[in-house]
Each structure stands twice: as structure tokens, then as C-alpha cells.
């Protein structure tokens, strides 16, 4: 069977396609060739040639369609109602407008003015002091090159909820307004935790990923994480090259450690540990996950893990055996993240600074 022949079935030809069909037939092309040219079945071409004649073919009269159910004044009233109630579904907006129309008609009128229902972005709530700190941070590092960012060790904890997809809320908003506060869904640090992990990476290497036992992380637990995760990576960075003829000068300026402002990160014991090991720490603005590229890496990791979890065809379980299975899958996903993805994250850092400056300390699209 010829693979270029489309499957059988009725296809409606436009006037332009019919005219082309009649012209090609007049100049000697076969029905099979015309069908291939127009991307339809041969029976459709046969039907068109039977119903129309090259000499007498005229354009068909366009069907005017159903009359519009709303007037221009109704449209203005409906759009005003929609903008005032941007967080309500079309059904409720229709009822509030008082117009005798369906929610689908409301959706079409909103689409005509590019007011489209979309999911609200989930962003941390920003106070004035948060925006000020974010702007100061962006101005501090706005002139850093990608090479400068390559020496930063980014770290973070991440909560993985096995088999759970968070529900997203839709809002009505115009194009280009995704980050306006009224259209955001603020997020706060809460929720149940199934598995917590910690990891770090720099611009040219993936650091360790640690799967933690269930429960909260205090200062003592975080110090153990730093000993097992961060310090081992620092030793690798400062390790002399295998080739004795290669000279590499490494000191505390070779890297800069980044972690956020979680309470367990800011205890005196943790501060002393980092100082004793000559590990410089980047001052980090609060409520700024969009500035930490590891957040993008978490999304990639969660996506890979969810695919592997579905392949297990099992319900989520809190048993020790399941915990070990999940840990192995998470480690596999961490190892599968490519170097190209990390490079792209490093290249985004100057753009993140510029975005925060443009937003005057507000949210960025990262």
C-alpha cells in the first residue's frame, strides 16, 4: 500500500481546493495524483470532479452563521464583569453578568479580547523588605559572568510527595500579566512530607544527593548533611590534579556556597562549622526560590522520578522497603540529569538578576 495515500474518509474541500482540483484534472493529472497533492482520499477527488465543472464552477455562497447573541454594549458589560471577577469560573461570571448566554459564549467573548483562563503561578508571598533584599542581591551580582556563577555551589532540600500531583488554580488574565500579584497563588512552607532529599551542584559537576529519613531537619541533622554532602564535594574541588605537571591554584575563593535562610541553616553551630572549614557563604535573600537554579533541577528530577514511579505500578507506601526503593529511583534520576541542563541553568543566572532588577525586586519568570 502506498504510504503517501491518506486514510479513507470524507474530507470537505474548500473552494480554493476544488478550483485546484479542477485545474489539475484539466491539465491531465490523475485522480490519484490530485488526491496526493491535496492530502485527501481519491474518492473525495472523484466526488468533487463529479459535482463540479471547470467551465461553470463558481464560488459557493458563504453561510452567514448564527446571529451573535450579544450586542456591543453586552460585550463591554461582560468583559468588565470578567475582569472584576478574574478568579471565578466562566459559569459564575455569566451569572453575575445577568446576560442570557452560556458559559461558552462568555469564554468566547473573553478570548476575543485576549482574556484567557490560565493557571495561576504559584509564587512565595513577598513583603516590601523581601523585594528590597532581592533587588540588592540582584544589583550585587548583576555584572557576574557565567564563569563567575560556575564556582557557586548551589544547595537545597526538596520534598517529594509520592504519587501526588498538586492541583493548580485557573485565573482570567490578559497576556503578559502572569506575575502580577493579583493573578498569583501565594505559596507558604507547609504540607505533608513523604521523602526529603538534599543535594548540591556547581557549574561543572553534580554533587552528592542524600535521601533523608522522615521527619524534620534540625541543626544537628543539617550539620551531618554538610559533613556528608558539602564537605565531600569541597574536597573533590580542592583535590590536586592527578597530573603532577598541571598547576591549579585552589583556595577558599575557588567556590562560594549557597543555601537559603531556613532556620537550621542559620544556627551558630552551622555558621561555626562553615567558618572552620573556610567555606564562604553567599548572602541569600529570603523568599527567593526563583533565584536558585536548583529549583529548576528539582522540577526535572521530580518529573523523571514520577515517570519511574508510575512504571512500578504500585500504590505509595511508607514502608522501609518502599523507602529504599524510592531512594534508589531518586538517585537514578539525579544521575540522569545531563551536563547540558546544568550548563543552561548557569547561563540563566545573569538573566535572573536582570529580571529581578526589571521587576524592582518582584517576582521573575524563573
Foldseek 3Di string as FASTA:
>chain_A
DDPLADDDDDDDDAPVLLLVLQVVVVVPDDLRVSCSVVVHHSVNSVVSPVVDHNVPDDHDDDDPDDDDQDDPVLLVLLLVLCVVPFQDQLQVSVVVSVGPDDSVSSQVSCVVVQFHKDWAAEAADDDPVLLVVLLVVLVVCLPPALVLQQQEKEKDKDAADAPDDDDTGIGTDHPPCRQPPVRHHYDDPDDDGQWMKMFIDGLQGGWDIGTDDDDDDALVNVVVCCVVTVVVVVCVVPPDDPDPVDDDDDDLSSHAYEDAVDPSCPDPVNVVVCVVVSHHYDDDRPRCPVLRLVVVVVVQLNVQLNVVSVVVVDDDDNDPVSSVVSVVSSVVSSVPDDSVSSNVSSNCNSVCSVQSVVVSSGDGPD
